[in-house]
Amino acid sequence: TCPEMLMMLLYVESLEDNEIFIAEGVLQVTKLTNPKG
């Protein structure tokens, strides 16, 4: 629903126990309801 966050899959290495990642200013364009139904 915020497709710009997908960019992290391209260049971000996996997080370790003392790391986090923050994304600022990403665009939310849709809402997806009841994904498991």
All heavy atoms as atom14 arrays in JSON, in Angstrom:
{
  "sequence": "TCPEMLMMLLYVESLEDNEIFIAEGVLQVTKLTNPKG",
  "atom14_mask": [
    [1, 1, 1, 1, 1, 1, 1, 0, 0, 0, 0, 0, 0, 0],
    [1, 1, 1, 1, 1, 1, 0, 0, 0, 0, 0, 0, 0, 0],
    [1, 1, 1, 1, 1, 1, 1, 0, 0, 0, 0, 0, 0, 0],
    [1, 1, 1, 1, 1, 1, 1, 1, 1, 0, 0, 0, 0, 0],
    [1, 1, 1, 1, 1, 1, 1, 1, 0, 0, 0, 0, 0, 0],
    [1, 1, 1, 1, 1, 1, 1, 1, 0, 0, 0, 0, 0, 0],
    [1, 1, 1, 1, 1, 1, 1, 1, 0, 0, 0, 0, 0, 0],
    [1, 1, 1, 1, 1, 1, 1, 1, 0, 0, 0, 0, 0, 0],
    [1, 1, 1, 1, 1, 1, 1, 1, 0, 0, 0, 0, 0, 0],
    [1, 1, 1, 1, 1, 1, 1, 1, 0, 0, 0, 0, 0, 0],
    [1, 1, 1, 1, 1, 1, 1, 1, 1, 1, 1, 1, 0, 0],
    [1, 1, 1, 1, 1, 1, 1, 0, 0, 0, 0, 0, 0, 0],
    [1, 1, 1, 1, 1, 1, 1, 1, 1, 0, 0, 0, 0, 0],
    [1, 1, 1, 1, 1, 1, 0, 0, 0, 0, 0, 0, 0, 0],
    [1, 1, 1, 1, 1, 1, 1, 1, 0, 0, 0, 0, 0, 0],
    [1, 1, 1, 1, 1, 1, 1, 1, 1, 0, 0, 0, 0, 0],
    [1, 1, 1, 1, 1, 1, 1, 1, 0, 0, 0, 0, 0, 0],
    [1, 1, 1, 1, 1, 1, 1, 1, 0, 0, 0, 0, 0, 0],
    [1, 1, 1, 1, 1, 1, 1, 1, 1, 0, 0, 0, 0, 0],
    [1, 1, 1, 1, 1, 1, 1, 1, 0, 0, 0, 0, 0, 0],
    [1, 1, 1, 1, 1, 1, 1, 1, 1, 1, 1, 0, 0, 0],
    [1, 1, 1, 1, 1, 1, 1, 1, 0, 0, 0, 0, 0, 0],
    [1, 1, 1, 1, 1, 0, 0, 0, 0, 0, 0, 0, 0, 0],
    [1, 1, 1, 1, 1, 1, 1, 1, 1, 0, 0, 0, 0, 0],
    [1, 1, 1, 1, 0, 0, 0, 0, 0, 0, 0, 0, 0, 0],
    [1, 1, 1, 1, 1, 1, 1, 0, 0, 0, 0, 0, 0, 0],
    [1, 1, 1, 1, 1, 1, 1, 1, 0, 0, 0, 0, 0, 0],
    [1, 1, 1, 1, 1, 1, 1, 1, 1, 0, 0, 0, 0, 0],
    [1, 1, 1, 1, 1, 1, 1, 0, 0, 0, 0, 0, 0, 0],
    [1, 1, 1, 1, 1, 1, 1, 0, 0, 0, 0, 0, 0, 0],
    [1, 1, 1, 1, 1, 1, 1, 1, 1, 0, 0, 0, 0, 0],
    [1, 1, 1, 1, 1, 1, 1, 1, 0, 0, 0, 0, 0, 0],
    [1, 1, 1, 1, 1, 1, 1, 0, 0, 0, 0, 0, 0, 0],
    [1, 1, 1, 1, 1, 1, 1, 1, 0, 0, 0, 0, 0, 0],
    [1, 1, 1, 1, 1, 1, 1, 0, 0, 0, 0, 0, 0, 0],
    [1, 1, 1, 1, 1, 1, 1, 1, 1, 0, 0, 0, 0, 0],
    [1, 1, 1, 1, 0, 0, 0, 0, 0, 0, 0, 0, 0, 0]
  ],
  "atom14_positions": [
    [[0.83, -1.21, 0.0], [0.0, 0.0, 0.0], [0.86, 1.26, 0.0], [0.38, 2.34, -0.33], [-0.94, 0.03, 1.21], [-0.17, -0.13, 2.41], [-1.95, -1.11, 1.12], [0.0, 0.0, 0.0], [0.0, 0.0, 0.0], [0.0, 0.0, 0.0], [0.0, 0.0, 0.0], [0.0, 0.0, 0.0], [0.0, 0.0, 0.0], [0.0, 0.0, 0.0]],
    [[2.13, 1.13, 0.38], [3.14, 2.2, 0.25], [4.28, 1.65, -0.6], [5.34, 1.29, -0.07], [3.65, 2.64, 1.62], [2.38, 3.22, 2.76], [0.0, 0.0, 0.0], [0.0, 0.0, 0.0], [0.0, 0.0, 0.0], [0.0, 0.0, 0.0], [0.0, 0.0, 0.0], [0.0, 0.0, 0.0], [0.0, 0.0, 0.0], [0.0, 0.0, 0.0]],
    [[4.09, 1.53, -1.93], [5.03, 0.77, -2.77], [6.46, 1.28, -2.73], [7.4, 0.51, -3.01], [4.44, 0.93, -4.17], [2.99, 1.23, -3.95], [2.95, 2.04, -2.7], [0.0, 0.0, 0.0], [0.0, 0.0, 0.0], [0.0, 0.0, 0.0], [0.0, 0.0, 0.0], [0.0, 0.0, 0.0], [0.0, 0.0, 0.0], [0.0, 0.0, 0.0]],
    [[6.66, 2.55, -2.38], [8.03, 3.07, -2.36], [8.89, 2.39, -1.31], [10.13, 2.4, -1.41], [7.99, 4.58, -2.13], [7.42, 5.34, -3.32], [7.04, 6.77, -2.99], [6.86, 7.08, -1.8], [6.91, 7.58, -3.93], [0.0, 0.0, 0.0], [0.0, 0.0, 0.0], [0.0, 0.0, 0.0], [0.0, 0.0, 0.0], [0.0, 0.0, 0.0]],
    [[8.28, 1.78, -0.32], [9.05, 1.03, 0.69], [9.67, -0.24, 0.11], [10.61, -0.79, 0.69], [8.15, 0.67, 1.87], [7.7, 1.87, 2.69], [6.67, 1.4, 4.1], [7.85, 0.5, 5.1], [0.0, 0.0, 0.0], [0.0, 0.0, 0.0], [0.0, 0.0, 0.0], [0.0, 0.0, 0.0], [0.0, 0.0, 0.0], [0.0, 0.0, 0.0]],
    [[9.16, -0.7, -1.04], [9.73, -1.9, -1.67], [11.18, -1.69, -2.07], [11.92, -2.66, -2.24], [8.9, -2.28, -2.9], [7.49, -2.8, -2.64], [6.74, -2.98, -3.96], [7.53, -4.12, -1.89], [0.0, 0.0, 0.0], [0.0, 0.0, 0.0], [0.0, 0.0, 0.0], [0.0, 0.0, 0.0], [0.0, 0.0, 0.0], [0.0, 0.0, 0.0]],
    [[11.6, -0.44, -2.23], [12.98, -0.17, -2.62], [13.97, -0.74, -1.61], [15.11, -1.07, -1.95], [13.19, 1.33, -2.77], [14.6, 1.73, -3.14], [14.84, 3.5, -3.15], [16.63, 3.58, -3.35], [0.0, 0.0, 0.0], [0.0, 0.0, 0.0], [0.0, 0.0, 0.0], [0.0, 0.0, 0.0], [0.0, 0.0, 0.0], [0.0, 0.0, 0.0]],
    [[13.55, -0.87, -0.35], [14.46, -1.4, 0.67], [14.91, -2.81, 0.34], [16.0, -3.23, 0.74], [13.78, -1.35, 2.04], [13.48, 0.05, 2.53], [12.8, 0.1, 4.21], [11.19, -0.61, 3.94], [0.0, 0.0, 0.0], [0.0, 0.0, 0.0], [0.0, 0.0, 0.0], [0.0, 0.0, 0.0], [0.0, 0.0, 0.0], [0.0, 0.0, 0.0]],
    [[14.09, -3.58, -0.38], [14.47, -4.94, -0.74], [15.67, -4.96, -1.67], [16.4, -5.95, -1.73], [13.3, -5.66, -1.41], [12.22, -6.26, -0.51], [11.41, -5.18, 0.19], [11.29, -7.16, -1.31], [0.0, 0.0, 0.0], [0.0, 0.0, 0.0], [0.0, 0.0, 0.0], [0.0, 0.0, 0.0], [0.0, 0.0, 0.0], [0.0, 0.0, 0.0]],
    [[15.88, -3.88, -2.4], [16.93, -3.84, -3.41], [18.31, -3.62, -2.8], [19.29, -4.24, -3.24], [16.63, -2.74, -4.43], [17.67, -2.51, -5.53], [17.85, -3.74, -6.39], [17.29, -1.3, -6.38], [0.0, 0.0, 0.0], [0.0, 0.0, 0.0], [0.0, 0.0, 0.0], [0.0, 0.0, 0.0], [0.0, 0.0, 0.0], [0.0, 0.0, 0.0]],
    [[18.42, -2.78, -1.77], [19.76, -2.37, -1.34], [20.01, -2.48, 0.16], [21.12, -2.2, 0.62], [20.02, -0.92, -1.79], [19.47, 0.14, -0.88], [20.31, 0.86, -0.03], [18.11, 0.44, -0.84], [19.82, 1.85, 0.8], [17.61, 1.42, -0.02], [18.47, 2.13, 0.8], [17.98, 3.1, 1.63], [0.0, 0.0, 0.0], [0.0, 0.0, 0.0]],
    [[19.03, -2.9, 0.95], [19.19, -2.93, 2.4], [19.51, -4.36, 2.85], [18.74, -5.29, 2.6], [17.91, -2.44, 3.11], [18.07, -2.55, 4.63], [17.62, -1.0, 2.71], [0.0, 0.0, 0.0], [0.0, 0.0, 0.0], [0.0, 0.0, 0.0], [0.0, 0.0, 0.0], [0.0, 0.0, 0.0], [0.0, 0.0, 0.0], [0.0, 0.0, 0.0]],
    [[20.66, -4.52, 3.5], [21.01, -5.81, 4.07], [20.11, -6.13, 5.26], [19.54, -5.24, 5.9], [22.48, -5.81, 4.52], [23.46, -6.14, 3.43], [24.78, -6.59, 4.01], [25.43, -5.82, 4.72], [25.16, -7.75, 3.75], [0.0, 0.0, 0.0], [0.0, 0.0, 0.0], [0.0, 0.0, 0.0], [0.0, 0.0, 0.0], [0.0, 0.0, 0.0]],
    [[19.99, -7.4, 5.58], [19.14, -7.84, 6.68], [19.57, -7.19, 7.99], [20.75, -6.91, 8.22], [19.18, -9.36, 6.8], [20.51, -9.8, 6.99], [0.0, 0.0, 0.0], [0.0, 0.0, 0.0], [0.0, 0.0, 0.0], [0.0, 0.0, 0.0], [0.0, 0.0, 0.0], [0.0, 0.0, 0.0], [0.0, 0.0, 0.0], [0.0, 0.0, 0.0]],
    [[18.6, -6.94, 8.85], [18.84, -6.28, 10.13], [19.4, -7.26, 11.15], [18.99, -8.42, 11.2], [17.54, -5.67, 10.65], [16.86, -4.63, 9.76], [15.54, -4.18, 10.38], [17.76, -3.43, 9.53], [0.0, 0.0, 0.0], [0.0, 0.0, 0.0], [0.0, 0.0, 0.0], [0.0, 0.0, 0.0], [0.0, 0.0, 0.0], [0.0, 0.0, 0.0]],
    [[20.31, -6.76, 11.98], [20.84, -7.55, 13.08], [20.2, -7.11, 14.39], [19.35, -6.23, 14.43], [22.37, -7.44, 13.13], [23.04, -8.09, 11.93], [24.49, -8.41, 12.18], [25.29, -7.47, 12.35], [24.83, -9.61, 12.21], [0.0, 0.0, 0.0], [0.0, 0.0, 0.0], [0.0, 0.0, 0.0], [0.0, 0.0, 0.0], [0.0, 0.0, 0.0]],
    [[20.64, -7.73, 15.49], [19.96, -7.55, 16.77], [20.03, -6.13, 17.3], [19.24, -5.76, 18.17], [20.55, -8.5, 17.81], [20.21, -9.95, 17.52], [19.17, -10.19, 16.89], [20.99, -10.84, 17.9], [0.0, 0.0, 0.0], [0.0, 0.0, 0.0], [0.0, 0.0, 0.0], [0.0, 0.0, 0.0], [0.0, 0.0, 0.0], [0.0, 0.0, 0.0]],
    [[20.95, -5.32, 16.83], [21.09, -3.95, 17.32], [20.81, -2.92, 16.22], [21.36, -1.82, 16.23], [22.5, -3.73, 17.88], [23.58, -3.93, 16.82], [23.39, -4.66, 15.84], [24.71, -3.28, 16.99], [0.0, 0.0, 0.0], [0.0, 0.0, 0.0], [0.0, 0.0, 0.0], [0.0, 0.0, 0.0], [0.0, 0.0, 0.0], [0.0, 0.0, 0.0]],
    [[19.95, -3.26, 15.26], [19.69, -2.38, 14.13], [18.19, -2.26, 13.86], [17.42, -3.2, 14.11], [20.36, -2.91, 12.86], [21.87, -3.0, 12.93], [22.46, -3.56, 11.65], [21.91, -4.54, 11.12], [23.46, -3.01, 11.18], [0.0, 0.0, 0.0], [0.0, 0.0, 0.0], [0.0, 0.0, 0.0], [0.0, 0.0, 0.0], [0.0, 0.0, 0.0]],
    [[17.8, -1.09, 13.35], [16.44, -0.88, 12.85], [16.55, -0.05, 11.57], [17.63, 0.45, 11.22], [15.54, -0.16, 13.88], [16.12, 1.2, 14.28], [15.35, -1.04, 15.1], [15.58, 2.38, 13.52], [0.0, 0.0, 0.0], [0.0, 0.0, 0.0], [0.0, 0.0, 0.0], [0.0, 0.0, 0.0], [0.0, 0.0, 0.0], [0.0, 0.0, 0.0]],
    [[15.43, 0.11, 10.87], [15.43, 0.88, 9.63], [14.2, 1.78, 9.62], [13.1, 1.36, 10.01], [15.42, -0.05, 8.41], [16.03, 0.56, 7.19], [17.4, 0.52, 7.01], [15.26, 1.19, 6.23], [17.99, 1.09, 5.89], [15.82, 1.75, 5.11], [17.2, 1.71, 4.93], [0.0, 0.0, 0.0], [0.0, 0.0, 0.0], [0.0, 0.0, 0.0]],
    [[14.39, 3.03, 9.2], [13.31, 4.02, 9.18], [13.13, 4.54, 7.76], [14.11, 4.87, 7.08], [13.59, 5.17, 10.15], [13.48, 4.67, 11.59], [12.65, 6.33, 9.93], [13.68, 5.74, 12.64], [0.0, 0.0, 0.0], [0.0, 0.0, 0.0], [0.0, 0.0, 0.0], [0.0, 0.0, 0.0], [0.0, 0.0, 0.0], [0.0, 0.0, 0.0]],
    [[11.88, 4.61, 7.31], [11.51, 5.16, 6.01], [10.63, 6.38, 6.24], [9.58, 6.29, 6.88], [10.78, 4.12, 5.17], [0.0, 0.0, 0.0], [0.0, 0.0, 0.0], [0.0, 0.0, 0.0], [0.0, 0.0, 0.0], [0.0, 0.0, 0.0], [0.0, 0.0, 0.0], [0.0, 0.0, 0.0], [0.0, 0.0, 0.0], [0.0, 0.0, 0.0]],
    [[11.06, 7.53, 5.72], [10.33, 8.78, 5.91], [9.84, 9.32, 4.57], [10.57, 9.3, 3.58], [11.23, 9.84, 6.57], [11.84, 9.41, 7.9], [12.77, 10.46, 8.45], [12.35, 11.63, 8.57], [13.93, 10.12, 8.75], [0.0, 0.0, 0.0], [0.0, 0.0, 0.0], [0.0, 0.0, 0.0], [0.0, 0.0, 0.0], [0.0, 0.0, 0.0]],
    [[8.61, 9.8, 4.57], [8.06, 10.46, 3.39], [7.62, 9.52, 2.3], [7.59, 9.92, 1.13], [0.0, 0.0, 0.0], [0.0, 0.0, 0.0], [0.0, 0.0, 0.0], [0.0, 0.0, 0.0], [0.0, 0.0, 0.0], [0.0, 0.0, 0.0], [0.0, 0.0, 0.0], [0.0, 0.0, 0.0], [0.0, 0.0, 0.0], [0.0, 0.0, 0.0]],
    [[7.24, 8.28, 2.63], [6.76, 7.34, 1.61], [5.27, 7.57, 1.39], [4.52, 7.93, 2.3], [7.03, 5.87, 2.02], [8.51, 5.61, 2.06], [6.41, 5.56, 3.37], [0.0, 0.0, 0.0], [0.0, 0.0, 0.0], [0.0, 0.0, 0.0], [0.0, 0.0, 0.0], [0.0, 0.0, 0.0], [0.0, 0.0, 0.0], [0.0, 0.0, 0.0]],
    [[4.83, 7.35, 0.17], [3.48, 7.68, -0.25], [2.55, 6.49, -0.08], [2.82, 5.41, -0.6], [3.51, 8.12, -1.72], [2.24, 8.73, -2.32], [1.92, 10.05, -1.65], [2.42, 8.92, -3.82], [0.0, 0.0, 0.0], [0.0, 0.0, 0.0], [0.0, 0.0, 0.0], [0.0, 0.0, 0.0], [0.0, 0.0, 0.0], [0.0, 0.0, 0.0]],
    [[1.47, 6.69, 0.66], [0.44, 5.66, 0.78], [-0.68, 5.97, -0.21], [-1.3, 7.02, -0.16], [-0.14, 5.6, 2.2], [-1.18, 4.5, 2.38], [-1.91, 4.58, 3.7], [-1.9, 5.62, 4.35], [-2.55, 3.49, 4.09], [0.0, 0.0, 0.0], [0.0, 0.0, 0.0], [0.0, 0.0, 0.0], [0.0, 0.0, 0.0], [0.0, 0.0, 0.0]],
    [[-0.95, 5.04, -1.12], [-1.9, 5.3, -2.2], [-3.17, 4.48, -2.08], [-4.19, 4.83, -2.69], [-1.23, 5.02, -3.57], [-0.11, 6.02, -3.82], [-0.7, 3.59, -3.64], [0.0, 0.0, 0.0], [0.0, 0.0, 0.0], [0.0, 0.0, 0.0], [0.0, 0.0, 0.0], [0.0, 0.0, 0.0], [0.0, 0.0, 0.0], [0.0, 0.0, 0.0]],
    [[-3.15, 3.37, -1.32], [-4.32, 2.51, -1.23], [-4.48, 1.97, 0.19], [-3.57, 2.09, 1.03], [-4.22, 1.31, -2.19], [-3.06, 0.53, -1.84], [-4.14, 1.76, -3.63], [0.0, 0.0, 0.0], [0.0, 0.0, 0.0], [0.0, 0.0, 0.0], [0.0, 0.0, 0.0], [0.0, 0.0, 0.0], [0.0, 0.0, 0.0], [0.0, 0.0, 0.0]],
    [[-5.62, 1.36, 0.44], [-5.88, 0.6, 1.66], [-6.34, -0.78, 1.24], [-7.21, -0.92, 0.38], [-6.95, 1.27, 2.51], [-6.55, 2.62, 3.08], [-7.67, 3.2, 3.93], [-7.29, 4.56, 4.49], [-8.41, 5.16, 5.29], [0.0, 0.0, 0.0], [0.0, 0.0, 0.0], [0.0, 0.0, 0.0], [0.0, 0.0, 0.0], [0.0, 0.0, 0.0]],
    [[-5.73, -1.8, 1.84], [-6.08, -3.18, 1.52], [-6.7, -3.81, 2.75], [-6.04, -3.9, 3.8], [-4.83, -3.95, 1.07], [-5.04, -5.15, 0.16], [-3.78, -5.46, -0.61], [-5.46, -6.38, 0.96], [0.0, 0.0, 0.0], [0.0, 0.0, 0.0], [0.0, 0.0, 0.0], [0.0, 0.0, 0.0], [0.0, 0.0, 0.0], [0.0, 0.0, 0.0]],
    [[-7.95, -4.22, 2.64], [-8.68, -4.75, 3.78], [-8.82, -6.26, 3.67], [-8.9, -6.83, 2.58], [-10.07, -4.11, 3.86], [-10.8, -4.37, 2.65], [-9.95, -2.6, 4.05], [0.0, 0.0, 0.0], [0.0, 0.0, 0.0], [0.0, 0.0, 0.0], [0.0, 0.0, 0.0], [0.0, 0.0, 0.0], [0.0, 0.0, 0.0], [0.0, 0.0, 0.0]],
    [[-8.85, -6.91, 4.85], [-9.07, -8.34, 4.98], [-8.19, -9.16, 4.03], [-8.68, -9.93, 3.2], [-10.54, -8.67, 4.72], [-10.92, -10.06, 5.21], [-10.2, -10.66, 6.01], [-12.03, -10.58, 4.73], [0.0, 0.0, 0.0], [0.0, 0.0, 0.0], [0.0, 0.0, 0.0], [0.0, 0.0, 0.0], [0.0, 0.0, 0.0], [0.0, 0.0, 0.0]],
    [[-6.87, -9.04, 4.15], [-5.99, -9.76, 3.22], [-6.05, -11.28, 3.38], [-5.7, -12.0, 2.45], [-4.59, -9.23, 3.58], [-4.71, -8.76, 4.98], [-6.11, -8.25, 5.14], [0.0, 0.0, 0.0], [0.0, 0.0, 0.0], [0.0, 0.0, 0.0], [0.0, 0.0, 0.0], [0.0, 0.0, 0.0], [0.0, 0.0, 0.0], [0.0, 0.0, 0.0]],
    [[-6.48, -11.77, 4.53], [-6.53, -13.22, 4.75], [-7.89, -13.81, 4.41], [-8.11, -15.0, 4.6], [-6.17, -13.54, 6.2], [-4.77, -13.07, 6.6], [-4.43, -13.49, 8.01], [-3.08, -12.92, 8.44], [-1.98, -13.38, 7.6], [0.0, 0.0, 0.0], [0.0, 0.0, 0.0], [0.0, 0.0, 0.0], [0.0, 0.0, 0.0], [0.0, 0.0, 0.0]],
    [[-8.81, -12.97, 3.91], [-10.14, -13.45, 3.54], [-10.56, -12.9, 2.19], [-9.85, -13.03, 1.19], [0.0, 0.0, 0.0], [0.0, 0.0, 0.0], [0.0, 0.0, 0.0], [0.0, 0.0, 0.0], [0.0, 0.0, 0.0], [0.0, 0.0, 0.0], [0.0, 0.0, 0.0], [0.0, 0.0, 0.0], [0.0, 0.0, 0.0], [0.0, 0.0, 0.0]]
  ]
}
